[in-house]
Protein backbone atom coordinates (compact mmCIF):
# COMPACT_ATOMS: atom_id res chain seq x y z
CA UNK A 1 191.33 176.02 123.67
CA UNK A 2 190.15 174.59 127.16
CA UNK A 3 186.35 174.61 126.72
CA UNK A 4 186.90 172.90 123.02
CA UNK A 5 188.69 170.29 124.09
CA UNK A 6 186.83 169.81 127.31
CA UNK A 7 184.11 169.36 124.93
CA UNK A 8 185.91 167.11 122.53
CA UNK A 9 187.32 164.98 125.01
CA UNK A 10 184.39 165.23 127.67
CA UNK A 11 182.78 161.90 125.90
CA UNK A 12 185.80 159.88 126.68
CA UNK A 13 185.68 160.58 130.41
CA UNK A 14 188.71 162.97 130.09
CA UNK A 15 188.64 166.45 132.01
CA UNK A 16 190.91 169.91 130.32
CA UNK A 17 191.72 172.32 132.76
CA UNK A 18 193.69 175.29 132.71
CA UNK A 19 196.05 177.06 135.47
CA UNK A 20 196.41 180.60 135.15
CA UNK A 21 199.56 181.18 137.63
CA UNK A 22 200.06 185.12 138.54
CA UNK A 23 203.73 186.19 138.83
CA UNK A 24 205.68 183.33 139.79
CA UNK A 25 209.40 183.06 141.88
CA UNK A 26 211.20 180.27 139.60
CA UNK A 27 214.87 179.50 139.56
CA UNK A 28 214.42 180.72 135.94
CA UNK A 29 216.15 184.69 135.32
CA UNK A 30 213.37 187.53 135.20
CA UNK A 31 215.23 188.79 132.12
CA UNK A 32 213.12 192.67 131.86
CA UNK A 33 210.99 192.18 135.25
CA UNK A 34 212.69 195.36 137.05
CA UNK A 35 212.42 195.48 141.14
CA UNK A 36 209.53 198.94 140.04
CA UNK A 37 207.57 196.09 138.11
CA UNK A 38 207.65 193.50 140.23
CA UNK A 39 206.20 196.06 143.79
CA UNK A 40 203.57 196.93 140.36
CA UNK A 41 202.31 193.51 141.04
CA UNK A 42 202.09 192.45 144.10
CA UNK A 43 200.57 195.89 145.06
CA UNK A 44 198.12 194.83 143.07
CA UNK A 45 197.28 190.83 144.73
CA UNK A 46 194.92 190.54 147.56
CA UNK A 47 197.99 188.74 149.02
CA UNK A 48 201.07 190.50 149.05
CA UNK A 49 204.08 188.56 148.08
CA UNK A 50 205.34 186.80 145.23
CA UNK A 51 203.75 183.61 144.23
CA UNK A 52 205.73 180.81 144.07
CA UNK A 53 205.30 177.09 142.66
CA UNK A 54 204.58 175.81 145.90
CA UNK A 55 201.14 177.84 145.40
CA UNK A 56 199.96 176.11 142.90
CA UNK A 57 200.99 172.92 144.32
CA UNK A 58 197.07 172.47 145.62
CA UNK A 59 195.68 173.23 142.50
CA UNK A 60 196.93 171.10 140.80
CA UNK A 61 196.93 167.97 143.49
CA UNK A 62 192.96 169.81 142.94
CA UNK A 63 192.66 168.92 139.48
CA UNK A 64 194.81 165.82 139.68
CA UNK A 65 192.33 164.16 141.98
CA UNK A 66 188.89 162.57 141.80
CA UNK A 67 187.72 165.35 144.05
CA UNK A 68 187.58 167.29 140.18
CA UNK A 69 186.08 164.71 138.19
CA UNK A 70 183.32 166.78 136.92
CA UNK A 71 185.29 169.84 136.62
CA UNK A 72 186.53 170.42 132.92
CA UNK A 73 186.56 173.52 130.96
CA UNK A 74 187.69 175.77 133.75
CA UNK A 75 190.71 178.12 133.40
CA UNK A 76 191.66 178.73 137.39
CA UNK A 77 193.58 181.76 137.89
CA UNK A 78 196.52 181.31 140.54
CA UNK A 79 197.45 184.87 141.05
CA UNK A 80 197.13 186.05 144.78
CA UNK A 81 194.15 188.27 143.16
CA UNK A 82 195.18 190.64 141.14
CA UNK A 83 193.37 193.94 140.39
CA UNK A 84 194.73 196.12 138.48
CA UNK A 85 193.13 199.64 139.40
């Protein structure tokens, strides 16, 4: 969907990108996320902690800035380097 929208809107100089966050700690209750599940996710990450909304801020600011004017159709994974084995 991101790539199709980027293709459709590119001629209007509109960029379309997607941020794909990992397990993010928010004030919303995480129903069904057990401590065991959370530990498994953290163990699978290169950065061994829960992601916070602030961890997404740099990516959002980059995509909202002129530094990303020629970036379109991309899905940026921001998940602390998850590799499930």
